[in-house]
Amino acid sequence: MTQAMLIVALLGAMAYLAFQYTSQRLLNCDKLRLLSEEYEKALKGNDRKYAEAVGQTYYSALRGGKLTEEDEKAMTIELDNMFPSTSFQGSV
C-alpha cells in the first residue's frame, strides 16, 4: 500500500514537471512569435530607433537574453535596407 502511494506521488510529480516545462515552452514560443511580428511591423514603419529596440529585444530573446555580434550585424543590415535614408552615408 505504501509503495502504491509512493508510485502515485512520483507519477504526479512527474506529470506536474512535464506540465510546467511544456507550458513554459509554449509561452516562450508565443513570446518569440509576437516579437518577430512586431519587429517585422517596425521594419515596415518609419521609426528606426523603435525598430532597432524591437530588433534587439527579439534577437536577444532568441539567444536567451544575449545579443551576439552576428545578431548585431544582421540587424544593422536589416535596418539599413529598410531605412536607407537614415544610414551612415560617409563623407561626400
Protein backbone atom coordinates (compact mmCIF):
# COMPACT_ATOMS: atom_id res chain seq x y z
CA MET A 1 0.00 0.00 0.00
CA THR A 2 2.81 2.42 0.89
CA GLN A 3 4.61 1.56 -2.34
CA ALA A 4 1.48 2.25 -4.38
CA MET A 5 1.11 5.67 -2.74
CA LEU A 6 4.77 6.41 -3.40
CA ILE A 7 4.37 5.45 -7.07
CA VAL A 8 1.27 7.63 -7.41
CA ALA A 9 3.10 10.53 -5.78
CA LEU A 10 6.08 10.13 -8.12
CA LEU A 11 3.81 9.94 -11.16
CA GLY A 12 2.02 13.07 -10.01
CA ALA A 13 5.31 14.90 -9.55
CA MET A 14 6.49 13.82 -13.00
CA ALA A 15 3.22 14.96 -14.59
CA TYR A 16 3.49 18.31 -12.82
CA LEU A 17 7.06 18.84 -14.02
CA ALA A 18 6.12 17.87 -17.58
CA PHE A 19 3.21 20.34 -17.48
CA GLN A 20 5.44 23.14 -16.16
CA TYR A 21 8.08 22.51 -18.84
CA THR A 22 5.52 22.36 -21.65
CA SER A 23 3.64 25.46 -20.57
CA GLN A 24 6.89 27.45 -20.20
CA ARG A 25 8.00 26.30 -23.64
CA LEU A 26 4.68 27.37 -25.18
CA LEU A 27 4.93 30.78 -23.51
CA ASN A 28 8.44 31.24 -24.92
CA CYS A 29 7.26 30.27 -28.42
CA ASP A 30 4.38 32.75 -28.20
CA LYS A 31 6.73 35.48 -26.97
CA LEU A 32 9.15 34.87 -29.86
CA ARG A 33 6.31 34.85 -32.39
CA LEU A 34 4.95 38.15 -31.06
CA LEU A 35 8.40 39.76 -31.04
CA SER A 36 9.07 38.55 -34.57
CA GLU A 37 5.79 40.00 -35.81
CA GLU A 38 6.42 43.30 -34.03
CA TYR A 39 9.95 43.52 -35.46
CA GLU A 40 8.66 42.92 -38.99
CA LYS A 41 5.99 45.58 -38.45
CA ALA A 42 8.57 48.01 -37.04
CA LEU A 43 10.83 47.48 -40.06
CA LYS A 44 7.93 48.49 -42.31
CA GLY A 45 7.27 51.61 -40.25
CA ASN A 46 9.19 54.86 -40.22
CA ASP A 47 10.78 54.87 -36.74
CA ARG A 48 14.29 53.43 -36.98
CA LYS A 49 15.02 53.74 -33.26
CA TYR A 50 11.87 51.78 -32.38
CA ALA A 51 12.70 49.11 -34.97
CA GLU A 52 16.21 48.86 -33.55
CA ALA A 53 14.90 48.47 -29.99
CA VAL A 54 12.40 45.79 -31.00
CA GLY A 55 15.10 44.05 -33.05
CA GLN A 56 17.45 43.96 -30.08
CA THR A 57 14.71 42.55 -27.88
CA TYR A 58 13.79 39.94 -30.49
CA TYR A 59 17.33 38.78 -31.20
CA SER A 60 18.29 38.68 -27.53
CA ALA A 61 15.16 36.60 -26.78
CA LEU A 62 16.29 34.13 -29.45
CA ARG A 63 19.65 33.78 -27.71
CA GLY A 64 18.46 33.52 -24.13
CA GLY A 65 18.99 37.17 -23.30
CA LYS A 66 22.33 37.77 -25.00
CA LEU A 67 22.77 39.62 -28.27
CA THR A 68 25.58 38.17 -30.41
CA GLU A 69 27.86 40.03 -32.78
CA GLU A 70 26.19 38.21 -35.70
CA ASP A 71 22.80 39.40 -34.45
CA GLU A 72 24.06 43.00 -34.38
CA LYS A 73 25.35 42.66 -37.95
CA ALA A 74 22.11 41.11 -39.20
CA MET A 75 20.08 43.81 -37.52
CA THR A 76 22.26 46.56 -38.99
CA ILE A 77 21.79 45.14 -42.48
CA GLU A 78 18.03 44.81 -41.99
CA LEU A 79 17.72 48.35 -40.64
CA ASP A 80 19.90 49.82 -43.39
CA ASN A 81 17.80 48.08 -46.03
CA MET A 82 14.54 49.34 -44.57
CA PHE A 83 15.76 52.83 -43.59
CA PRO A 84 18.35 53.74 -46.24
CA SER A 85 17.96 57.49 -45.79
CA THR A 86 18.96 57.30 -42.12
CA SER A 87 22.02 55.05 -42.56
CA PHE A 88 25.52 56.39 -42.47
CA GLN A 89 26.41 57.80 -45.90
CA GLY A 90 30.03 58.76 -45.26
CA SER A 91 31.62 61.99 -46.46
CA VAL A 92 30.71 63.37 -49.86
